[in-house]
Amino acid sequence: MGTHEALMDRLEMLLDGQEIPFSANLQFETGGTVNFWAMAVAGEYLRAIRFGTDAEKKKARERAREYFDRQRKDGHMSRGLAVEQSCPDPHYNFHLVSAAAIRLGAREAGHADVLADSGEWFRWHVGLYRSCMSNGEVFMPGLRAKGNPSWQTSTMAIRTILGLKPTGPAKKAAKWKERVFAGPRIVRQLLSQNDDLGGAKDSTETPLLRLPMTVRHYENGYVAFLQRPAAGSGLTILEPLDWVCVRHDSHDAPDLGREWGKEPPVLGKLIQERQLGKKAV
């Protein structure tokens, strides 16, 4: 079993209400990928507040707060020099389910500080992702983008938060039970409990991004692209999808740019340009 599966197993067992023991080898307080760290923090926070000792609860709460604070300082979906911002499926789900599980736990425990942290995360998250939607679907540049990128999970999540009708996999009840959609499933659970996710639905705030993003809107579509990392930055940049070009009237897959191999295209008359991520706004 791989580490992703082990971490998701723990999270899904906890989300189902099962009691599980502490697992020291699945904590990733240092090292590990960004998503390993996120799932480890979320799983231990949920476990500790339900079944842990007072000391375990205190430490898990501190780590949950650090999880959000590190992203304020290092960038959304980033930790230190490791960057996974706006990653497509399946990595997107690992980040979303972690933030959602922490918020679920904070509501149970009455941790107002963690609720405030997670509410800010969700406002920033929704503000970022709604900036790259066409006909109600998410298409955006990001990292960890192997093969043909898919944004089904983020589309399901953002549409759910915005109160839009289900589309694609979200129209099938069985799909909500699949592991790749665990994040949207917990988001839907929170919303069903009258949680507004810190006001995320109406948010236009956006987070700090380690690789700032520009979105150019044209009459017939948009182009979104990432800033190239500076030489010698030391950042860990894996499988970058550095731009997407989306035509609103097309049913074809978006045009994609990889590894900063060519400049993003121009679609005609520029209507608006937004620069996101140089600081949290």
Protein backbone atom coordinates (compact mmCIF):
# COMPACT_ATOMS: atom_id res chain seq x y z
CA MET A 1 0.00 0.00 0.00
CA GLY A 2 1.33 3.45 -0.95
CA THR A 3 1.46 6.41 1.41
CA HIS A 4 -1.42 8.21 -0.31
CA GLU A 5 -3.65 5.19 0.22
CA ALA A 6 -2.58 4.77 3.85
CA LEU A 7 -3.29 8.41 4.66
CA MET A 8 -6.63 8.36 2.86
CA ASP A 9 -7.55 5.11 4.60
CA ARG A 10 -7.02 6.82 7.97
CA LEU A 11 -9.02 9.87 6.97
CA GLU A 12 -11.92 7.90 5.55
CA MET A 13 -12.10 5.60 8.60
CA LEU A 14 -12.18 8.65 10.86
CA LEU A 15 -14.77 10.37 8.70
CA ASP A 16 -16.88 7.21 9.03
CA GLY A 17 -16.64 7.50 12.81
CA GLN A 18 -14.16 4.69 13.45
CA GLU A 19 -11.69 4.88 16.32
CA ILE A 20 -8.11 4.28 15.20
CA PRO A 21 -4.79 4.44 17.04
CA PHE A 22 -2.07 7.07 16.72
CA SER A 23 0.35 6.28 13.87
CA ALA A 24 3.75 7.89 14.31
CA ASN A 25 4.97 6.90 10.84
CA LEU A 26 2.11 8.81 9.19
CA GLN A 27 2.63 12.24 10.74
CA PHE A 28 5.10 13.98 8.37
CA GLU A 29 5.84 16.83 10.74
CA THR A 30 8.95 17.32 8.60
CA GLY A 31 9.61 15.90 5.16
CA GLY A 32 7.09 14.24 2.89
CA THR A 33 5.14 15.90 0.12
CA VAL A 34 2.79 18.81 0.76
CA ASN A 35 -0.26 16.57 0.43
CA PHE A 36 1.21 13.92 2.76
CA TRP A 37 1.64 16.64 5.39
CA ALA A 38 -1.88 17.98 4.81
CA MET A 39 -3.56 14.59 5.17
CA ALA A 40 -1.41 13.69 8.18
CA VAL A 41 -2.33 16.89 10.01
CA ALA A 42 -6.03 16.50 9.21
CA GLY A 43 -6.18 12.85 10.20
CA GLU A 44 -4.40 13.34 13.50
CA TYR A 45 -6.48 16.42 14.37
CA LEU A 46 -9.73 14.53 13.78
CA ARG A 47 -8.45 11.46 15.65
CA ALA A 48 -7.11 13.44 18.60
CA ILE A 49 -10.18 15.57 19.23
CA ARG A 50 -12.41 12.49 19.18
CA PHE A 51 -10.29 9.86 20.88
CA GLY A 52 -6.98 11.37 22.02
CA THR A 53 -5.52 12.47 25.33
CA ASP A 54 -5.50 16.13 26.35
CA ALA A 55 -1.85 16.36 25.31
CA GLU A 56 -2.61 14.85 21.90
CA LYS A 57 -5.55 17.22 21.42
CA LYS A 58 -3.37 20.23 22.23
CA LYS A 59 -0.62 19.21 19.83
CA ALA A 60 -3.05 18.32 17.03
CA ARG A 61 -4.76 21.69 17.42
CA GLU A 62 -1.42 23.48 17.19
CA ARG A 63 -0.50 21.53 14.07
CA ALA A 64 -3.89 22.28 12.47
CA ARG A 65 -3.32 25.99 13.03
CA GLU A 66 0.23 25.68 11.67
CA TYR A 67 -1.16 23.97 8.56
CA PHE A 68 -3.11 27.10 7.67
CA ASP A 69 -0.43 29.52 8.83
CA ARG A 70 2.25 27.88 6.70
CA GLN A 71 0.08 28.39 3.63
CA ARG A 72 -0.41 32.04 4.51
CA LYS A 73 3.36 32.43 4.52
CA ASP A 74 4.52 29.86 1.94
CA GLY A 75 1.60 29.96 -0.48
CA HIS A 76 -1.66 28.10 -1.07
CA MET A 77 -1.10 24.32 -1.18
CA SER A 78 2.59 24.89 -0.46
CA ARG A 79 4.97 24.13 2.38
CA GLY A 80 8.45 25.54 2.56
CA LEU A 81 10.02 25.16 -0.89
CA ALA A 82 7.57 22.45 -1.98
CA VAL A 83 4.74 23.72 -4.21
CA GLU A 84 1.55 21.91 -5.21
CA GLN A 85 -0.73 24.89 -5.83
CA SER A 86 -3.87 24.36 -7.91
CA CYS A 87 -2.94 20.76 -8.70
CA PRO A 88 -5.50 18.83 -10.80
CA ASP A 89 -6.94 15.41 -9.97
CA PRO A 90 -6.12 13.30 -8.02
CA HIS A 91 -3.86 15.51 -5.86
CA TYR A 92 -6.47 18.26 -5.57
CA ASN A 93 -8.68 15.93 -3.53
CA PHE A 94 -5.90 15.32 -0.98
CA HIS A 95 -5.68 19.06 -0.24
CA LEU A 96 -9.43 19.69 -0.18
CA VAL A 97 -10.31 16.72 2.01
CA SER A 98 -7.63 17.80 4.49
CA ALA A 99 -8.93 21.35 4.86
CA ALA A 100 -12.54 20.11 5.01
CA ALA A 101 -11.78 17.42 7.60
CA ILE A 102 -9.99 19.94 9.82
CA ARG A 103 -13.00 22.26 9.63
CA LEU A 104 -15.33 19.39 10.43
CA GLY A 105 -13.24 18.60 13.50
CA ALA A 106 -13.08 22.23 14.57
CA ARG A 107 -16.88 22.44 14.52
CA GLU A 108 -17.13 19.32 16.67
CA ALA A 109 -14.53 20.56 19.14
CA GLY A 110 -15.71 24.18 19.20
CA HIS A 111 -12.24 25.44 18.26
CA ALA A 112 -13.02 28.99 17.17
CA ASP A 113 -9.41 29.69 16.19
CA VAL A 114 -9.24 26.70 13.82
CA LEU A 115 -12.64 27.62 12.41
CA ALA A 116 -11.39 31.13 11.66
CA ASP A 117 -8.25 29.73 10.02
CA SER A 118 -10.18 27.27 7.87
CA GLY A 119 -12.81 29.86 6.95
CA GLU A 120 -10.06 32.09 5.60
CA TRP A 121 -8.61 29.15 3.65
CA PHE A 122 -11.97 28.38 2.05
CA ARG A 123 -12.63 32.02 1.16
CA TRP A 124 -9.26 32.26 -0.51
CA HIS A 125 -9.67 28.88 -2.17
CA VAL A 126 -13.06 29.66 -3.70
CA GLY A 127 -11.93 33.13 -4.76
CA LEU A 128 -8.97 31.59 -6.57
CA TYR A 129 -10.82 28.76 -8.27
CA ARG A 130 -13.83 30.78 -9.39
CA SER A 131 -11.39 33.00 -11.32
CA CYS A 132 -10.73 30.05 -13.66
CA MET A 133 -14.17 28.75 -14.58
CA SER A 134 -15.84 28.43 -17.95
CA ASN A 135 -19.48 27.42 -18.23
CA GLY A 136 -19.36 26.33 -14.61
CA GLU A 137 -16.28 24.11 -14.94
CA VAL A 138 -12.80 24.67 -13.51
CA PHE A 139 -9.81 24.78 -15.87
CA MET A 140 -6.65 26.23 -14.37
CA PRO A 141 -2.87 25.97 -14.44
CA GLY A 142 -1.06 24.23 -11.62
CA LEU A 143 1.48 21.63 -10.59
CA ARG A 144 1.49 17.82 -10.32
CA ALA A 145 -0.24 17.73 -13.72
CA LYS A 146 0.55 14.38 -15.35
CA GLY A 147 -0.96 13.19 -18.61
CA ASN A 148 -4.34 14.65 -19.51
CA PRO A 149 -5.30 16.83 -16.54
CA SER A 150 -8.75 16.55 -15.02
CA TRP A 151 -10.54 19.12 -12.86
CA GLN A 152 -13.64 17.04 -12.06
CA THR A 153 -13.07 17.12 -8.30
CA SER A 154 -12.51 20.86 -8.07
CA THR A 155 -15.46 21.50 -10.38
CA MET A 156 -17.67 19.34 -8.13
CA ALA A 157 -16.44 21.14 -5.00
CA ILE A 158 -16.68 24.70 -6.28
CA ARG A 159 -20.09 24.19 -7.89
CA THR A 160 -21.35 22.71 -4.61
CA ILE A 161 -20.09 25.68 -2.62
CA LEU A 162 -21.53 28.17 -5.11
CA GLY A 163 -24.93 26.44 -5.03
CA LEU A 164 -24.90 25.47 -8.70
CA LYS A 165 -26.75 22.46 -10.05
CA PRO A 166 -24.78 19.20 -10.13
CA THR A 167 -23.07 18.38 -13.40
CA GLY A 168 -20.90 15.54 -14.65
CA PRO A 169 -20.02 12.99 -11.92
CA ALA A 170 -21.87 15.02 -9.29
CA LYS A 171 -25.19 14.01 -10.89
CA LYS A 172 -24.62 10.37 -9.90
CA ALA A 173 -25.07 9.48 -6.22
CA ALA A 174 -22.56 6.63 -6.44
CA LYS A 175 -19.80 9.00 -7.54
CA TRP A 176 -19.99 10.94 -4.27
CA LYS A 177 -18.88 7.79 -2.45
CA GLU A 178 -15.68 7.41 -4.49
CA ARG A 179 -12.38 8.23 -2.81
CA VAL A 180 -11.36 10.81 -5.40
CA PHE A 181 -14.44 12.84 -4.44
CA ALA A 182 -13.99 12.61 -0.66
CA GLY A 183 -13.18 16.32 -0.46
CA PRO A 184 -16.38 17.49 -2.16
CA ARG A 185 -18.32 14.96 -0.06
CA ILE A 186 -17.12 16.50 3.21
CA VAL A 187 -17.70 19.99 1.84
CA ARG A 188 -21.28 18.98 1.06
CA GLN A 189 -21.63 17.56 4.57
CA LEU A 190 -20.44 20.84 6.09
CA LEU A 191 -22.86 22.84 3.96
CA SER A 192 -25.71 20.52 5.00
CA GLN A 193 -24.90 21.49 8.61
CA ASN A 194 -25.49 25.16 7.69
CA ASP A 195 -21.77 25.89 7.65
CA ASP A 196 -21.05 28.72 5.22
CA LEU A 197 -17.33 27.84 5.15
CA GLY A 198 -16.43 31.25 6.48
CA GLY A 199 -18.41 33.06 3.78
CA ALA A 200 -16.71 31.25 0.91
CA LYS A 201 -19.67 31.35 -1.49
CA ASP A 202 -19.47 35.10 -2.02
CA SER A 203 -15.72 35.43 -1.71
CA THR A 204 -13.53 37.27 -4.19
CA GLU A 205 -10.49 37.09 -1.89
CA THR A 206 -7.50 35.15 -3.20
CA PRO A 207 -4.51 33.56 -1.44
CA LEU A 208 -0.80 34.07 -1.62
CA LEU A 209 0.61 31.87 -4.39
CA ARG A 210 4.21 30.74 -4.55
CA LEU A 211 3.86 31.01 -8.35
CA PRO A 212 1.60 34.05 -8.97
CA MET A 213 -1.08 33.59 -11.63
CA THR A 214 -2.37 35.97 -14.30
CA VAL A 215 -5.87 35.54 -15.77
CA ARG A 216 -6.64 37.32 -19.05
CA HIS A 217 -10.28 37.43 -20.07
CA TYR A 218 -11.15 37.85 -23.72
CA GLU A 219 -14.48 38.12 -25.51
CA ASN A 220 -14.56 34.41 -26.26
CA GLY A 221 -12.59 32.86 -23.41
CA TYR A 222 -9.69 33.22 -21.01
CA VAL A 223 -6.02 32.39 -20.63
CA ALA A 224 -4.54 31.76 -17.20
CA PHE A 225 -0.81 31.34 -16.70
CA LEU A 226 1.72 30.95 -13.90
CA GLN A 227 4.79 33.05 -13.30
CA ARG A 228 7.97 31.15 -14.10
CA PRO A 229 10.01 30.43 -10.95
CA ALA A 230 13.18 32.48 -10.64
CA ALA A 231 16.44 30.74 -11.43
CA GLY A 232 18.02 29.41 -8.26
CA SER A 233 14.78 29.71 -6.28
CA GLY A 234 15.22 26.22 -4.89
CA LEU A 235 11.50 25.51 -5.28
CA THR A 236 10.33 21.96 -5.90
CA ILE A 237 8.24 22.31 -9.06
CA LEU A 238 6.80 18.99 -10.26
CA GLU A 239 4.94 18.56 -13.58
CA PRO A 240 3.97 22.19 -14.13
CA LEU A 241 0.99 23.01 -16.28
CA ASP A 242 1.99 26.62 -16.72
CA TRP A 243 -0.99 27.85 -18.75
CA VAL A 244 -4.47 26.90 -19.90
CA CYS A 245 -6.39 28.48 -22.76
CA VAL A 246 -10.16 28.04 -22.60
CA ARG A 247 -12.66 29.07 -25.29
CA HIS A 248 -16.14 29.49 -23.85
CA ASP A 249 -17.91 28.36 -27.02
CA SER A 250 -15.82 25.20 -27.51
CA HIS A 251 -16.51 21.69 -26.28
CA ASP A 252 -12.92 20.69 -26.92
CA ALA A 253 -10.39 20.25 -24.13
CA PRO A 254 -8.49 23.46 -23.29
CA ASP A 255 -5.14 24.16 -24.90
CA LEU A 256 -2.31 23.55 -22.44
CA GLY A 257 1.22 24.80 -21.90
CA ARG A 258 3.78 22.65 -20.10
CA GLU A 259 7.17 23.35 -18.56
CA TRP A 260 7.13 26.97 -19.83
CA GLY A 261 7.88 25.58 -23.29
CA LYS A 262 5.92 28.24 -25.18
CA GLU A 263 4.13 31.49 -24.50
CA PRO A 264 0.40 31.47 -23.68
CA PRO A 265 -1.80 32.41 -26.66
CA VAL A 266 -3.82 35.57 -27.25
CA LEU A 267 -7.52 35.11 -28.00
CA GLY A 268 -8.30 38.51 -29.47
CA LYS A 269 -9.57 41.61 -27.75
CA LEU A 270 -8.52 41.73 -24.09
CA ILE A 271 -11.41 42.55 -21.76
CA GLN A 272 -9.76 42.23 -18.33
CA GLU A 273 -6.50 41.11 -16.76
CA ARG A 274 -6.15 40.01 -13.13
CA GLN A 275 -2.92 39.26 -11.35
CA LEU A 276 -3.42 36.88 -8.43
CA GLY A 277 -1.25 35.54 -5.69
CA LYS A 278 1.48 38.09 -5.12
CA LYS A 279 -0.12 38.64 -1.75
CA ALA A 280 -3.27 37.45 -0.07
CA VAL A 281 -6.16 39.79 -0.92
